[in-house]
């Protein structure tokens, strides 16, 4: 048994040393809603850990809209699956993410994770906006000026292109695949690592899991 463990450890260390960085990035879009329990679970349990591990291999687009719909091309506001508070949350997130365009994907995911954990913006609470070092007054100006409405109309347009049956929905490199969608809901890291086969980050992640299994 000791011999088997020693061999496994040597193989693991060799795999870590042999791994090279992936030669391309994955472009991932996440279509979600600000008050959706499934979106909340996905962002906190799947997306944030995956970005913490693999951000250098991912280009991320966050689309807070889901199964909402515009009324009279936005002039009549929006109707949202989880009520008016979700419409507010979607628009606040759209405005804040727009103001964070020059920031890293990790910063943007951390902001969204804060919103999803607290449902802050859906209650008119800008604490997550402030935590992200974005001016609440600029977010309010975005909403009041109509910029927020346009951002939500843009989100609606891109969401309709995907025709999501379930929220959250993800696409990778602009393509929706049901098998990938299903797997991503329960193991996003594994799903992405299957596509990023030669990344050191993925090798270390799985090798650490294997070491824990062997040692404990």
N, C-alpha and C. Protein backbone atom coordinates (compact mmCIF):
# COMPACT_ATOMS: atom_id res chain seq x y z
N UNK A 1 0.84 -1.20 0.00
CA UNK A 1 0.00 0.00 0.00
C UNK A 1 0.87 1.26 0.00
N UNK A 2 1.92 1.25 0.81
CA UNK A 2 2.85 2.39 0.86
C UNK A 2 3.50 2.59 -0.49
N UNK A 3 3.85 1.45 -1.14
CA UNK A 3 4.49 1.53 -2.45
C UNK A 3 3.54 2.15 -3.48
N UNK A 4 2.26 1.75 -3.45
CA UNK A 4 1.28 2.28 -4.39
C UNK A 4 1.11 3.77 -4.20
N UNK A 5 1.01 4.20 -2.92
CA UNK A 5 0.88 5.62 -2.63
C UNK A 5 2.09 6.40 -3.14
N UNK A 6 3.29 5.84 -2.95
CA UNK A 6 4.51 6.51 -3.39
C UNK A 6 4.53 6.68 -4.91
N UNK A 7 4.11 5.63 -5.61
CA UNK A 7 4.07 5.70 -7.07
C UNK A 7 3.07 6.75 -7.53
N UNK A 8 1.89 6.76 -6.89
CA UNK A 8 0.86 7.74 -7.26
C UNK A 8 1.34 9.17 -7.03
N UNK A 9 2.01 9.38 -5.91
CA UNK A 9 2.52 10.73 -5.62
C UNK A 9 3.56 11.15 -6.65
N UNK A 10 4.45 10.22 -7.04
CA UNK A 10 5.45 10.53 -8.05
C UNK A 10 4.81 10.87 -9.39
N UNK A 11 3.74 10.12 -9.75
CA UNK A 11 3.03 10.39 -10.99
C UNK A 11 2.35 11.75 -10.95
N UNK A 12 1.78 12.08 -9.79
CA UNK A 12 1.11 13.37 -9.62
C UNK A 12 2.10 14.51 -9.78
N UNK A 13 3.25 14.40 -9.10
CA UNK A 13 4.26 15.45 -9.18
C UNK A 13 4.80 15.58 -10.60
N UNK A 14 4.92 14.46 -11.29
CA UNK A 14 5.39 14.48 -12.67
C UNK A 14 4.38 15.18 -13.57
N UNK A 15 3.10 14.93 -13.31
CA UNK A 15 2.04 15.55 -14.12
C UNK A 15 2.04 17.06 -13.93
N UNK A 16 2.24 17.51 -12.68
CA UNK A 16 2.30 18.94 -12.42
C UNK A 16 3.46 19.57 -13.16
N UNK A 17 4.62 18.91 -13.11
CA UNK A 17 5.80 19.46 -13.77
C UNK A 17 5.66 19.48 -15.27
N UNK A 18 4.97 18.46 -15.83
CA UNK A 18 4.86 18.34 -17.27
C UNK A 18 3.80 19.25 -17.87
N UNK A 19 2.88 19.72 -17.06
CA UNK A 19 1.76 20.51 -17.59
C UNK A 19 2.23 21.85 -18.14
N UNK A 20 1.64 22.25 -19.26
CA UNK A 20 1.94 23.54 -19.87
C UNK A 20 0.67 24.37 -19.88
N UNK A 21 0.85 25.67 -20.00
CA UNK A 21 -0.31 26.56 -20.06
C UNK A 21 -1.05 26.35 -21.37
N UNK A 22 -2.37 26.50 -21.32
CA UNK A 22 -3.20 26.35 -22.50
C UNK A 22 -2.88 27.47 -23.48
N UNK A 23 -3.03 27.17 -24.78
CA UNK A 23 -2.65 28.14 -25.80
C UNK A 23 -3.80 29.06 -26.19
N UNK A 24 -4.98 28.91 -25.61
CA UNK A 24 -6.11 29.75 -25.95
C UNK A 24 -6.97 30.00 -24.73
N UNK A 25 -7.82 31.01 -24.85
CA UNK A 25 -8.77 31.30 -23.78
C UNK A 25 -10.17 30.85 -24.18
N UNK A 26 -11.01 30.64 -23.19
CA UNK A 26 -12.41 30.33 -23.44
C UNK A 26 -13.22 31.61 -23.21
N UNK A 27 -14.14 31.87 -24.13
CA UNK A 27 -15.02 33.03 -23.98
C UNK A 27 -16.35 32.53 -23.41
N UNK A 28 -16.64 32.90 -22.18
CA UNK A 28 -17.82 32.39 -21.49
C UNK A 28 -18.82 33.51 -21.24
N UNK A 29 -20.07 33.25 -21.58
CA UNK A 29 -21.16 34.17 -21.27
C UNK A 29 -22.08 33.50 -20.27
N UNK A 30 -22.47 34.24 -19.25
CA UNK A 30 -23.39 33.73 -18.23
C UNK A 30 -24.65 34.58 -18.25
N UNK A 31 -25.79 33.93 -18.51
CA UNK A 31 -27.09 34.59 -18.55
C UNK A 31 -27.82 34.23 -17.26
N UNK A 32 -28.12 35.24 -16.45
CA UNK A 32 -28.64 34.99 -15.11
C UNK A 32 -29.61 36.07 -14.69
N UNK A 33 -30.20 35.93 -13.49
CA UNK A 33 -31.15 36.90 -12.94
C UNK A 33 -30.74 37.26 -11.52
N UNK A 34 -31.00 38.50 -11.13
CA UNK A 34 -30.49 39.01 -9.86
C UNK A 34 -31.16 38.42 -8.62
N UNK A 35 -32.38 37.86 -8.76
CA UNK A 35 -33.04 37.26 -7.60
C UNK A 35 -33.33 35.76 -7.79
N UNK A 36 -32.72 35.18 -8.76
CA UNK A 36 -32.96 33.76 -9.07
C UNK A 36 -32.13 32.87 -8.14
N UNK A 37 -32.76 31.98 -7.38
CA UNK A 37 -32.01 31.08 -6.48
C UNK A 37 -31.00 30.21 -7.23
N UNK A 38 -31.37 29.73 -8.42
CA UNK A 38 -30.43 28.90 -9.20
C UNK A 38 -29.24 29.74 -9.67
N UNK A 39 -29.51 30.99 -10.05
CA UNK A 39 -28.41 31.89 -10.44
C UNK A 39 -27.49 32.15 -9.25
N UNK A 40 -28.09 32.37 -8.10
CA UNK A 40 -27.32 32.61 -6.89
C UNK A 40 -26.40 31.44 -6.59
N UNK A 41 -26.95 30.24 -6.64
CA UNK A 41 -26.17 29.03 -6.36
C UNK A 41 -25.03 28.89 -7.37
N UNK A 42 -25.33 29.12 -8.64
CA UNK A 42 -24.31 28.96 -9.68
C UNK A 42 -23.18 29.96 -9.52
N UNK A 43 -23.53 31.21 -9.29
CA UNK A 43 -22.49 32.25 -9.16
C UNK A 43 -21.59 31.97 -7.96
N UNK A 44 -22.19 31.63 -6.83
CA UNK A 44 -21.41 31.45 -5.60
C UNK A 44 -20.69 30.11 -5.54
N UNK A 45 -21.32 29.05 -6.02
CA UNK A 45 -20.75 27.70 -5.87
C UNK A 45 -19.96 27.23 -7.09
N UNK A 46 -20.24 27.79 -8.24
CA UNK A 46 -19.58 27.32 -9.46
C UNK A 46 -18.73 28.40 -10.13
N UNK A 47 -19.35 29.54 -10.44
CA UNK A 47 -18.64 30.55 -11.22
C UNK A 47 -17.48 31.19 -10.45
N UNK A 48 -17.71 31.63 -9.23
CA UNK A 48 -16.65 32.29 -8.48
C UNK A 48 -15.45 31.36 -8.25
N UNK A 49 -15.64 30.12 -7.78
CA UNK A 49 -14.48 29.23 -7.63
C UNK A 49 -13.77 28.97 -8.95
N UNK A 50 -14.54 28.83 -10.03
CA UNK A 50 -13.92 28.58 -11.34
C UNK A 50 -13.09 29.77 -11.79
N UNK A 51 -13.60 30.98 -11.57
CA UNK A 51 -12.84 32.17 -11.95
C UNK A 51 -11.62 32.36 -11.06
N UNK A 52 -11.74 32.05 -9.78
CA UNK A 52 -10.59 32.15 -8.88
C UNK A 52 -9.45 31.25 -9.36
N UNK A 53 -9.81 30.10 -9.93
CA UNK A 53 -8.80 29.14 -10.38
C UNK A 53 -8.33 29.40 -11.81
N UNK A 54 -9.24 29.78 -12.69
CA UNK A 54 -8.96 29.74 -14.12
C UNK A 54 -9.09 31.09 -14.83
N UNK A 55 -9.09 32.18 -14.08
CA UNK A 55 -9.35 33.49 -14.70
C UNK A 55 -8.37 33.84 -15.82
N UNK A 56 -7.15 33.34 -15.74
CA UNK A 56 -6.16 33.66 -16.77
C UNK A 56 -6.46 32.96 -18.10
N UNK A 57 -7.40 32.02 -18.08
CA UNK A 57 -7.76 31.29 -19.30
C UNK A 57 -9.18 31.60 -19.76
N UNK A 58 -9.82 32.58 -19.13
CA UNK A 58 -11.23 32.85 -19.41
C UNK A 58 -11.46 34.33 -19.70
N UNK A 59 -12.28 34.58 -20.71
CA UNK A 59 -12.83 35.91 -20.96
C UNK A 59 -14.32 35.80 -20.66
N UNK A 60 -14.81 36.65 -19.76
CA UNK A 60 -16.14 36.47 -19.22
C UNK A 60 -17.08 37.61 -19.57
N UNK A 61 -18.31 37.26 -19.95
CA UNK A 61 -19.37 38.25 -20.12
C UNK A 61 -20.53 37.87 -19.20
N UNK A 62 -20.99 38.82 -18.40
CA UNK A 62 -22.08 38.60 -17.46
C UNK A 62 -23.31 39.34 -17.97
N UNK A 63 -24.43 38.61 -18.09
CA UNK A 63 -25.65 39.18 -18.67
C UNK A 63 -26.81 39.01 -17.70
N UNK A 64 -27.07 40.03 -16.87
CA UNK A 64 -28.15 39.94 -15.89
C UNK A 64 -29.52 40.32 -16.49
N UNK A 65 -30.23 39.30 -16.96
CA UNK A 65 -31.54 39.55 -17.55
C UNK A 65 -32.45 38.31 -17.44
N UNK A 66 -31.98 37.19 -17.94
CA UNK A 66 -32.71 35.93 -17.82
C UNK A 66 -34.04 35.93 -18.55
N UNK A 67 -35.11 35.58 -17.83
CA UNK A 67 -36.45 35.45 -18.43
C UNK A 67 -37.27 36.73 -18.30
N UNK A 68 -36.60 37.82 -18.06
CA UNK A 68 -37.29 39.12 -18.03
C UNK A 68 -37.72 39.49 -19.45
N UNK A 69 -38.57 40.50 -19.57
CA UNK A 69 -38.94 41.00 -20.89
C UNK A 69 -39.26 42.49 -20.80
N UNK A 70 -38.92 43.18 -21.88
CA UNK A 70 -39.17 44.63 -21.92
C UNK A 70 -40.63 44.89 -22.30
N UNK A 71 -41.14 46.02 -21.80
CA UNK A 71 -42.50 46.46 -22.12
C UNK A 71 -42.38 47.73 -22.96
N UNK A 72 -42.99 47.71 -24.14
CA UNK A 72 -42.97 48.87 -25.03
C UNK A 72 -41.54 49.35 -25.27
N UNK A 73 -40.69 48.37 -25.61
CA UNK A 73 -39.28 48.65 -25.92
C UNK A 73 -38.56 49.39 -24.80
N UNK A 74 -38.94 49.07 -23.56
CA UNK A 74 -38.27 49.66 -22.41
C UNK A 74 -38.96 50.90 -21.87
N UNK A 75 -39.80 51.54 -22.68
CA UNK A 75 -40.48 52.74 -22.21
C UNK A 75 -41.49 52.40 -21.11
N UNK A 76 -41.99 51.18 -21.14
CA UNK A 76 -42.92 50.73 -20.11
C UNK A 76 -42.23 49.94 -19.02
N UNK A 77 -40.90 49.99 -19.01
CA UNK A 77 -40.14 49.25 -18.01
C UNK A 77 -39.94 47.80 -18.41
N UNK A 78 -39.74 46.95 -17.40
CA UNK A 78 -39.47 45.53 -17.64
C UNK A 78 -40.33 44.69 -16.71
N UNK A 79 -40.61 43.50 -17.17
CA UNK A 79 -41.32 42.52 -16.35
C UNK A 79 -40.35 41.38 -16.06
N UNK A 80 -40.15 41.08 -14.79
CA UNK A 80 -39.12 40.11 -14.41
C UNK A 80 -39.72 38.90 -13.71
N UNK A 81 -39.07 37.77 -13.87
CA UNK A 81 -39.57 36.49 -13.37
C UNK A 81 -39.82 36.51 -11.87
N UNK A 82 -38.94 37.19 -11.12
CA UNK A 82 -39.04 37.21 -9.66
C UNK A 82 -39.50 38.57 -9.13
N UNK A 83 -40.22 39.31 -9.98
CA UNK A 83 -40.85 40.55 -9.51
C UNK A 83 -40.06 41.81 -9.77
N UNK A 84 -40.65 42.97 -9.43
CA UNK A 84 -40.02 44.27 -9.67
C UNK A 84 -38.65 44.44 -9.03
N UNK A 85 -38.45 43.83 -7.87
CA UNK A 85 -37.14 43.98 -7.21
C UNK A 85 -36.04 43.35 -8.05
N UNK A 86 -36.38 42.30 -8.78
CA UNK A 86 -35.39 41.68 -9.66
C UNK A 86 -35.06 42.60 -10.83
N UNK A 87 -36.07 43.30 -11.35
CA UNK A 87 -35.82 44.27 -12.42
C UNK A 87 -34.84 45.33 -11.96
N UNK A 88 -35.02 45.81 -10.73
CA UNK A 88 -34.10 46.80 -10.16
C UNK A 88 -32.71 46.21 -10.04
N UNK A 89 -32.62 45.00 -9.49
CA UNK A 89 -31.32 44.35 -9.32
C UNK A 89 -30.61 44.13 -10.64
N UNK A 90 -31.36 43.69 -11.67
CA UNK A 90 -30.76 43.49 -12.99
C UNK A 90 -30.18 44.79 -13.53
N UNK A 91 -30.93 45.88 -13.40
CA UNK A 91 -30.48 47.15 -13.96
C UNK A 91 -29.28 47.70 -13.19
N UNK A 92 -29.32 47.59 -11.86
CA UNK A 92 -28.17 48.05 -11.07
C UNK A 92 -26.92 47.27 -11.46
N UNK A 93 -27.06 45.96 -11.61
CA UNK A 93 -25.90 45.16 -12.01
C UNK A 93 -25.43 45.53 -13.40
N UNK A 94 -26.35 45.74 -14.34
CA UNK A 94 -25.96 46.14 -15.70
C UNK A 94 -25.17 47.45 -15.66
N UNK A 95 -25.67 48.42 -14.90
CA UNK A 95 -24.99 49.72 -14.82
C UNK A 95 -23.63 49.59 -14.16
N UNK A 96 -23.58 48.84 -13.07
CA UNK A 96 -22.31 48.70 -12.34
C UNK A 96 -21.28 47.96 -13.18
N UNK A 97 -21.69 46.88 -13.83
CA UNK A 97 -20.76 46.14 -14.68
C UNK A 97 -20.29 46.99 -15.85
N UNK A 98 -21.17 47.85 -16.37
CA UNK A 98 -20.78 48.76 -17.44
C UNK A 98 -19.72 49.74 -16.96
N UNK A 99 -19.87 50.20 -15.72
CA UNK A 99 -18.89 51.12 -15.14
C UNK A 99 -17.59 50.41 -14.74
N UNK A 100 -17.61 49.07 -14.76
CA UNK A 100 -16.42 48.28 -14.40
C UNK A 100 -15.74 47.69 -15.63
N UNK A 101 -15.98 48.26 -16.79
CA UNK A 101 -15.44 47.67 -18.02
C UNK A 101 -13.92 47.58 -18.02
N UNK A 102 -13.27 48.52 -17.35
CA UNK A 102 -11.80 48.52 -17.34
C UNK A 102 -11.23 47.63 -16.24
N UNK A 103 -12.09 47.03 -15.46
CA UNK A 103 -11.65 46.19 -14.34
C UNK A 103 -11.50 44.74 -14.78
N UNK A 104 -10.86 43.94 -13.95
CA UNK A 104 -10.63 42.53 -14.29
C UNK A 104 -11.92 41.72 -14.13
N UNK A 105 -11.94 40.57 -14.79
CA UNK A 105 -13.09 39.67 -14.66
C UNK A 105 -13.26 39.20 -13.21
N UNK A 106 -12.15 39.01 -12.52
CA UNK A 106 -12.22 38.60 -11.11
C UNK A 106 -12.93 39.66 -10.29
N UNK A 107 -12.61 40.93 -10.50
CA UNK A 107 -13.27 42.02 -9.77
C UNK A 107 -14.76 42.05 -10.08
N UNK A 108 -15.10 41.83 -11.34
CA UNK A 108 -16.49 41.88 -11.74
C UNK A 108 -17.28 40.70 -11.16
N UNK A 109 -16.66 39.53 -11.15
CA UNK A 109 -17.32 38.36 -10.55
C UNK A 109 -17.47 38.55 -9.05
N UNK A 110 -16.47 39.11 -8.42
CA UNK A 110 -16.58 39.37 -6.98
C UNK A 110 -17.73 40.32 -6.67
N UNK A 111 -17.91 41.32 -7.53
CA UNK A 111 -19.03 42.23 -7.35
C UNK A 111 -20.36 41.50 -7.48
N UNK A 112 -20.51 40.71 -8.54
CA UNK A 112 -21.76 39.98 -8.77
C UNK A 112 -22.00 38.97 -7.65
N UNK A 113 -20.94 38.31 -7.19
CA UNK A 113 -21.08 37.35 -6.09
C UNK A 113 -21.61 38.05 -4.84
N UNK A 114 -21.13 39.25 -4.58
CA UNK A 114 -21.63 40.03 -3.44
C UNK A 114 -23.11 40.31 -3.60
N UNK A 115 -23.53 40.74 -4.78
CA UNK A 115 -24.94 41.02 -5.04
C UNK A 115 -25.79 39.77 -4.87
N UNK A 116 -25.32 38.66 -5.41
CA UNK A 116 -26.11 37.44 -5.36
C UNK A 116 -26.20 36.87 -3.94
N UNK A 117 -25.14 37.05 -3.18
CA UNK A 117 -25.15 36.56 -1.80
C UNK A 117 -26.10 37.36 -0.92
N UNK A 118 -26.11 38.69 -1.13
CA UNK A 118 -26.90 39.56 -0.26
C UNK A 118 -28.24 39.99 -0.86
N UNK A 119 -28.40 39.79 -2.17
CA UNK A 119 -29.55 40.37 -2.89
C UNK A 119 -29.63 41.87 -2.61
N UNK A 120 -28.47 42.50 -2.51
CA UNK A 120 -28.38 43.89 -2.05
C UNK A 120 -29.12 44.86 -2.97
N UNK A 121 -28.71 44.92 -4.24
CA UNK A 121 -29.28 45.90 -5.15
C UNK A 121 -30.77 45.70 -5.36
N UNK A 122 -31.23 44.47 -5.24
CA UNK A 122 -32.67 44.21 -5.43
C UNK A 122 -33.49 44.87 -4.33
N UNK A 123 -32.84 45.24 -3.24
CA UNK A 123 -33.50 45.93 -2.13
C UNK A 123 -33.10 47.40 -2.06
N UNK A 124 -32.48 47.90 -3.14
CA UNK A 124 -32.05 49.30 -3.15
C UNK A 124 -30.83 49.57 -2.31
N UNK A 125 -30.10 48.52 -1.96
CA UNK A 125 -28.90 48.62 -1.13
C UNK A 125 -27.67 48.62 -2.04
N UNK A 126 -26.88 49.69 -2.00
CA UNK A 126 -25.72 49.82 -2.88
C UNK A 126 -24.41 49.44 -2.17
N UNK A 127 -24.51 48.64 -1.12
CA UNK A 127 -23.29 48.28 -0.39
C UNK A 127 -22.32 47.47 -1.25
N UNK A 128 -22.84 46.61 -2.12
CA UNK A 128 -21.95 45.82 -2.98
C UNK A 128 -21.33 46.70 -4.06
N UNK A 129 -22.08 47.69 -4.52
CA UNK A 129 -21.54 48.66 -5.48
C UNK A 129 -20.36 49.40 -4.84
N UNK A 130 -20.57 49.85 -3.61
CA UNK A 130 -19.50 50.57 -2.91
C UNK A 130 -18.31 49.67 -2.63
N UNK A 131 -18.59 48.41 -2.28
CA UNK A 131 -17.51 47.46 -2.01
C UNK A 131 -16.66 47.24 -3.26
N UNK A 132 -17.29 47.35 -4.41
CA UNK A 132 -16.57 47.19 -5.69
C UNK A 132 -15.86 48.47 -6.11
N UNK A 133 -15.89 49.49 -5.24
CA UNK A 133 -15.27 50.78 -5.53
C UNK A 133 -15.86 51.45 -6.77
N UNK A 134 -17.18 51.34 -6.87
CA UNK A 134 -17.92 52.04 -7.92
C UNK A 134 -18.80 53.07 -7.24
N UNK A 135 -18.91 54.23 -7.82
CA UNK A 135 -19.70 55.32 -7.23
C UNK A 135 -21.19 55.05 -7.34
N UNK A 136 -21.91 54.96 -6.22
CA UNK A 136 -23.37 54.79 -6.27
C UNK A 136 -24.05 55.91 -7.05
N UNK A 137 -23.51 57.12 -6.97
CA UNK A 137 -24.11 58.24 -7.70
C UNK A 137 -24.01 58.02 -9.21
N UNK A 138 -22.92 57.40 -9.66
CA UNK A 138 -22.78 57.11 -11.09
C UNK A 138 -23.75 56.02 -11.52
N UNK A 139 -23.99 55.05 -10.63
CA UNK A 139 -24.96 54.00 -10.93
C UNK A 139 -26.36 54.61 -11.00
N UNK A 140 -26.68 55.49 -10.06
CA UNK A 140 -27.97 56.17 -10.08
C UNK A 140 -28.13 57.02 -11.34
N UNK A 141 -27.07 57.68 -11.75
CA UNK A 141 -27.11 58.48 -12.97
C UNK A 141 -27.33 57.61 -14.19
N UNK A 142 -26.72 56.44 -14.19
CA UNK A 142 -26.91 55.47 -15.28
C UNK A 142 -28.39 55.09 -15.40
N UNK A 143 -29.01 54.84 -14.25
CA UNK A 143 -30.43 54.44 -14.23
C UNK A 143 -31.32 55.61 -14.66
N UNK A 144 -31.06 56.78 -14.09
CA UNK A 144 -31.91 57.95 -14.34
C UNK A 144 -31.81 58.47 -15.76
N UNK A 145 -30.64 58.32 -16.37
CA UNK A 145 -30.40 58.87 -17.70
C UNK A 145 -30.99 58.03 -18.82
N UNK A 146 -31.39 56.80 -18.49
CA UNK A 146 -31.88 55.89 -19.52
C UNK A 146 -30.81 54.93 -20.01
N UNK A 147 -29.57 55.16 -19.57
CA UNK A 147 -28.49 54.25 -19.94
C UNK A 147 -28.76 52.85 -19.41
N UNK A 148 -29.29 52.77 -18.20
CA UNK A 148 -29.60 51.46 -17.61
C UNK A 148 -30.65 50.72 -18.41
N UNK A 149 -31.66 51.45 -18.90
CA UNK A 149 -32.69 50.83 -19.75
C UNK A 149 -32.07 50.29 -21.03
N UNK A 150 -31.18 51.06 -21.65
CA UNK A 150 -30.54 50.59 -22.87
C UNK A 150 -29.66 49.37 -22.62
N UNK A 151 -28.97 49.36 -21.49
CA UNK A 151 -28.14 48.20 -21.15
C UNK A 151 -28.99 46.95 -20.96
N UNK A 152 -30.18 47.13 -20.36
CA UNK A 152 -31.08 45.99 -20.20
C UNK A 152 -31.68 45.55 -21.53
N UNK A 153 -31.95 46.49 -22.42
CA UNK A 153 -32.42 46.12 -23.76
C UNK A 153 -31.34 45.35 -24.51
N UNK A 154 -30.09 45.77 -24.34
CA UNK A 154 -28.98 45.03 -24.95
C UNK A 154 -28.90 43.62 -24.37
N UNK A 155 -29.07 43.52 -23.03
CA UNK A 155 -29.03 42.21 -22.37
C UNK A 155 -30.17 41.33 -22.88
N UNK A 156 -31.33 41.94 -23.09
CA UNK A 156 -32.47 41.19 -23.63
C UNK A 156 -32.16 40.66 -25.03
N UNK A 157 -31.56 41.51 -25.85
CA UNK A 157 -31.22 41.11 -27.23
C UNK A 157 -30.29 39.90 -27.24
N UNK A 158 -29.22 39.97 -26.44
CA UNK A 158 -28.25 38.87 -26.42
C UNK A 158 -28.84 37.61 -25.78
N UNK A 159 -29.70 37.79 -24.79
CA UNK A 159 -30.33 36.64 -24.15
C UNK A 159 -31.26 35.93 -25.12
N UNK A 160 -32.01 36.69 -25.91
CA UNK A 160 -32.94 36.09 -26.88
C UNK A 160 -32.20 35.31 -27.96
N UNK A 161 -30.97 35.71 -28.26
CA UNK A 161 -30.19 34.96 -29.25
C UNK A 161 -29.91 33.53 -28.78
N UNK A 162 -29.85 33.37 -27.45
CA UNK A 162 -29.54 32.06 -26.86
C UNK A 162 -30.81 31.23 -26.62
N UNK A 163 -31.96 31.91 -26.45
CA UNK A 163 -33.23 31.24 -26.13
C UNK A 163 -33.09 30.31 -24.93
N UNK A 164 -32.67 30.81 -23.77
CA UNK A 164 -32.45 29.91 -22.62
C UNK A 164 -33.75 29.31 -22.10
N UNK A 165 -33.72 28.01 -21.86
CA UNK A 165 -34.85 27.32 -21.25
C UNK A 165 -34.71 27.30 -19.73
N UNK A 166 -33.47 27.47 -19.29
CA UNK A 166 -33.17 27.42 -17.85
C UNK A 166 -32.23 28.57 -17.53
N UNK A 167 -32.45 29.18 -16.37
CA UNK A 167 -31.58 30.26 -15.89
C UNK A 167 -30.93 29.80 -14.59
N UNK A 168 -29.60 29.85 -14.48
CA UNK A 168 -28.66 30.46 -15.42
C UNK A 168 -28.32 29.55 -16.59
N UNK A 169 -27.97 30.15 -17.68
CA UNK A 169 -27.48 29.45 -18.87
C UNK A 169 -26.09 29.97 -19.19
N UNK A 170 -25.23 29.08 -19.66
CA UNK A 170 -23.90 29.53 -20.09
C UNK A 170 -23.67 29.12 -21.55
N UNK A 171 -22.89 29.93 -22.24
CA UNK A 171 -22.37 29.55 -23.55
C UNK A 171 -20.86 29.64 -23.48
N UNK A 172 -20.20 28.80 -24.26
CA UNK A 172 -18.74 28.81 -24.32
C UNK A 172 -18.33 29.03 -25.76
N UNK A 173 -17.52 30.06 -25.96
CA UNK A 173 -17.12 30.49 -27.30
C UNK A 173 -18.34 30.75 -28.17
N UNK A 174 -19.38 31.30 -27.56
CA UNK A 174 -20.58 31.68 -28.29
C UNK A 174 -21.52 30.55 -28.62
N UNK A 175 -21.25 29.36 -28.14
CA UNK A 175 -22.05 28.18 -28.49
C UNK A 175 -22.75 27.62 -27.26
N UNK A 176 -24.03 27.34 -27.40
CA UNK A 176 -24.77 26.66 -26.34
C UNK A 176 -24.77 25.17 -26.63
N UNK A 177 -24.44 24.39 -25.61
CA UNK A 177 -24.45 22.94 -25.71
C UNK A 177 -25.14 22.40 -24.47
N UNK A 178 -26.19 21.60 -24.63
CA UNK A 178 -26.97 21.16 -23.48
C UNK A 178 -26.16 20.30 -22.52
N UNK A 179 -25.29 19.45 -23.05
CA UNK A 179 -24.46 18.60 -22.20
C UNK A 179 -23.51 19.47 -21.36
N UNK A 180 -22.89 20.45 -22.00
CA UNK A 180 -22.01 21.36 -21.29
C UNK A 180 -22.78 22.15 -20.24
N UNK A 181 -23.96 22.62 -20.62
CA UNK A 181 -24.83 23.35 -19.69
C UNK A 181 -25.14 22.52 -18.45
N UNK A 182 -25.54 21.28 -18.64
CA UNK A 182 -25.91 20.41 -17.52
C UNK A 182 -24.71 20.14 -16.62
N UNK A 183 -23.57 19.87 -17.22
CA UNK A 183 -22.37 19.56 -16.44
C UNK A 183 -21.87 20.79 -15.69
N UNK A 184 -21.99 21.97 -16.31
CA UNK A 184 -21.50 23.20 -15.70
C UNK A 184 -22.27 23.57 -14.44
N UNK A 185 -23.53 23.17 -14.37
CA UNK A 185 -24.34 23.50 -13.20
C UNK A 185 -23.86 22.80 -11.94
N UNK A 186 -23.21 21.65 -12.11
CA UNK A 186 -22.76 20.87 -10.94
C UNK A 186 -21.24 20.81 -10.81
N UNK A 187 -20.51 21.08 -11.89
CA UNK A 187 -19.04 21.03 -11.82
C UNK A 187 -18.46 21.89 -12.94
N UNK A 188 -18.52 23.20 -12.75
CA UNK A 188 -18.01 24.11 -13.77
C UNK A 188 -16.51 23.97 -13.95
N UNK A 189 -15.79 23.81 -12.86
CA UNK A 189 -14.34 23.65 -12.97
C UNK A 189 -14.00 22.42 -13.81
N UNK A 190 -14.64 21.31 -13.52
CA UNK A 190 -14.39 20.09 -14.29
C UNK A 190 -14.77 20.26 -15.75
N UNK A 191 -15.89 20.94 -16.00
CA UNK A 191 -16.33 21.18 -17.37
C UNK A 191 -15.32 21.99 -18.15
N UNK A 192 -14.81 23.05 -17.52
CA UNK A 192 -13.83 23.91 -18.20
C UNK A 192 -12.48 23.23 -18.33
N UNK A 193 -12.09 22.49 -17.31
CA UNK A 193 -10.79 21.81 -17.36
C UNK A 193 -10.77 20.73 -18.43
N UNK A 194 -11.93 20.15 -18.74
CA UNK A 194 -12.00 19.16 -19.81
C UNK A 194 -11.68 19.81 -21.15
N UNK A 195 -11.89 21.13 -21.25
CA UNK A 195 -11.58 21.87 -22.47
C UNK A 195 -10.19 22.49 -22.41
N UNK A 196 -9.68 22.68 -21.19
CA UNK A 196 -8.36 23.27 -20.99
C UNK A 196 -7.41 22.18 -20.50
N UNK A 197 -7.22 21.19 -21.31
CA UNK A 197 -6.57 19.95 -20.87
C UNK A 197 -5.14 20.12 -20.41
N UNK A 198 -4.43 21.09 -20.96
CA UNK A 198 -3.01 21.21 -20.64
C UNK A 198 -2.67 22.35 -19.69
N UNK A 199 -3.67 22.85 -18.96
CA UNK A 199 -3.38 23.97 -18.07
C UNK A 199 -2.79 23.50 -16.75
N UNK A 200 -1.80 24.21 -16.28
CA UNK A 200 -1.18 23.90 -15.00
C UNK A 200 -2.19 24.01 -13.87
N UNK A 201 -3.07 25.02 -13.96
CA UNK A 201 -4.07 25.24 -12.91
C UNK A 201 -4.97 24.03 -12.74
N UNK A 202 -5.44 23.46 -13.85
CA UNK A 202 -6.31 22.28 -13.77
C UNK A 202 -5.54 21.08 -13.24
N UNK A 203 -4.30 20.91 -13.70
CA UNK A 203 -3.50 19.77 -13.25
C UNK A 203 -3.27 19.85 -11.74
N UNK A 204 -2.93 21.02 -11.25
CA UNK A 204 -2.70 21.18 -9.82
C UNK A 204 -3.97 20.96 -9.02
N UNK A 205 -5.09 21.45 -9.54
CA UNK A 205 -6.37 21.30 -8.85
C UNK A 205 -6.72 19.83 -8.65
N UNK A 206 -6.65 19.05 -9.73
CA UNK A 206 -7.01 17.64 -9.64
C UNK A 206 -5.96 16.82 -8.90
N UNK A 207 -4.71 17.23 -9.05
CA UNK A 207 -3.67 16.51 -8.33
C UNK A 207 -3.75 16.76 -6.83
N UNK A 208 -4.12 17.95 -6.44
CA UNK A 208 -4.33 18.23 -5.01
C UNK A 208 -5.49 17.40 -4.46
N UNK A 209 -6.55 17.26 -5.27
CA UNK A 209 -7.67 16.42 -4.86
C UNK A 209 -7.23 14.97 -4.70
N UNK A 210 -6.40 14.52 -5.64
CA UNK A 210 -5.91 13.14 -5.57
C UNK A 210 -5.02 12.94 -4.35
N UNK A 211 -4.17 13.93 -4.06
CA UNK A 211 -3.30 13.84 -2.88
C UNK A 211 -4.12 13.77 -1.60
N UNK A 212 -5.17 14.57 -1.52
CA UNK A 212 -6.02 14.53 -0.33
C UNK A 212 -6.65 13.17 -0.18
N UNK A 213 -7.07 12.58 -1.29
CA UNK A 213 -7.68 11.24 -1.23
C UNK A 213 -6.68 10.20 -0.75
N UNK A 214 -5.44 10.31 -1.29
CA UNK A 214 -4.41 9.32 -0.92
C UNK A 214 -4.02 9.46 0.54
N UNK A 215 -3.83 10.72 0.98
CA UNK A 215 -3.33 10.96 2.32
C UNK A 215 -4.38 10.78 3.41
N UNK A 216 -5.63 10.98 3.05
CA UNK A 216 -6.69 10.92 4.08
C UNK A 216 -7.70 9.81 3.82
